[in-house]
Protein backbone atom coordinates (compact mmCIF):
# COMPACT_ATOMS: atom_id res chain seq x y z
CA UNK A 1 6.10 8.21 2.61
CA UNK A 2 9.47 7.62 0.93
CA UNK A 3 11.65 4.86 -0.47
CA UNK A 4 15.42 4.53 -0.18
CA UNK A 5 18.04 2.19 -1.61
CA UNK A 6 20.02 1.89 1.62
CA UNK A 7 18.99 1.04 5.15
CA UNK A 8 21.11 3.92 6.44
CA UNK A 9 19.13 6.48 4.40
CA UNK A 10 15.83 5.03 5.58
CA UNK A 11 16.93 4.97 9.22
CA UNK A 12 18.10 8.57 8.96
CA UNK A 13 14.69 9.65 7.62
CA UNK A 14 12.90 7.67 10.34
CA UNK A 15 14.93 9.43 13.03
CA UNK A 16 14.24 12.82 11.43
CA UNK A 17 10.50 12.15 11.45
CA UNK A 18 10.55 10.84 15.02
CA UNK A 19 12.36 14.00 16.11
CA UNK A 20 9.42 15.96 14.68
CA UNK A 21 7.02 13.88 16.77
CA UNK A 22 5.75 11.44 14.13
CA UNK A 23 5.44 7.71 14.57
CA UNK A 24 7.81 6.41 11.87
CA UNK A 25 9.39 3.13 10.81
CA UNK A 26 10.73 1.43 7.70
CA UNK A 27 9.79 -1.76 5.88
CA UNK A 28 12.01 -3.62 3.48
CA UNK A 29 10.75 -4.37 0.00
CA UNK A 30 12.10 -5.45 -3.36
CA UNK A 31 11.56 -3.54 -6.61
CA UNK A 32 13.32 -3.38 -9.97
CA UNK A 33 15.82 -6.04 -8.92
CA UNK A 34 16.98 -4.35 -5.74
CA UNK A 35 16.15 -3.90 -2.07
CA UNK A 36 14.12 -0.84 -1.17
CA UNK A 37 13.52 0.55 2.29
CA UNK A 38 10.16 2.27 2.51
CA UNK A 39 9.56 4.79 5.28
CA UNK A 40 6.09 4.84 6.80
CA UNK A 41 4.37 7.09 9.33
CA UNK A 42 1.22 6.80 11.39
CA UNK A 43 -1.18 5.35 12.20
CA UNK A 44 -3.62 8.20 12.53
CA UNK A 45 -7.05 7.91 14.09
CA UNK A 46 -8.76 10.00 11.41
CA UNK A 47 -8.26 11.63 8.04
CA UNK A 48 -8.22 14.99 9.83
CA UNK A 49 -5.33 13.86 12.03
CA UNK A 50 -3.44 12.53 8.99
CA UNK A 51 -4.01 15.80 7.11
CA UNK A 52 -2.65 17.73 10.09
CA UNK A 53 0.47 15.55 10.15
CA UNK A 54 0.94 16.06 6.40
CA UNK A 55 0.69 19.83 6.85
CA UNK A 56 3.24 19.67 9.68
CA UNK A 57 5.67 17.71 7.48
CA UNK A 58 5.17 20.06 4.54
CA UNK A 59 5.93 23.12 6.65
CA UNK A 60 9.12 21.40 7.85
CA UNK A 61 10.16 20.36 4.32
CA UNK A 62 10.22 16.69 5.29
CA UNK A 63 8.05 15.14 2.62
CA UNK A 64 7.89 14.85 -1.13
CA UNK A 65 5.16 12.26 -1.49
CA UNK A 66 2.49 10.64 0.64
CA UNK A 67 0.31 7.58 0.25
CA UNK A 68 -2.73 7.39 2.48
CA UNK A 69 -3.93 3.89 3.19
CA UNK A 70 -7.25 3.34 4.89
CA UNK A 71 -7.69 0.33 7.11
CA UNK A 72 -10.83 -1.42 8.15
CA UNK A 73 -11.66 -1.06 11.78
């Protein structure tokens, strides 16, 4: 969903998303020589459910980019 350079920024975004009713968390990564904290949301049972969540976030101005990852199962 988003990537931040500080843990505080990522945690703030996670709390914002949780307040809107989304399952959210962050994962730590490393890119371009520095730590990155990537915020994730989900999981969603279907593409329709994910699309509904995306619409909800867009109407609340809480997203700028989204990556949809399908899982097997």
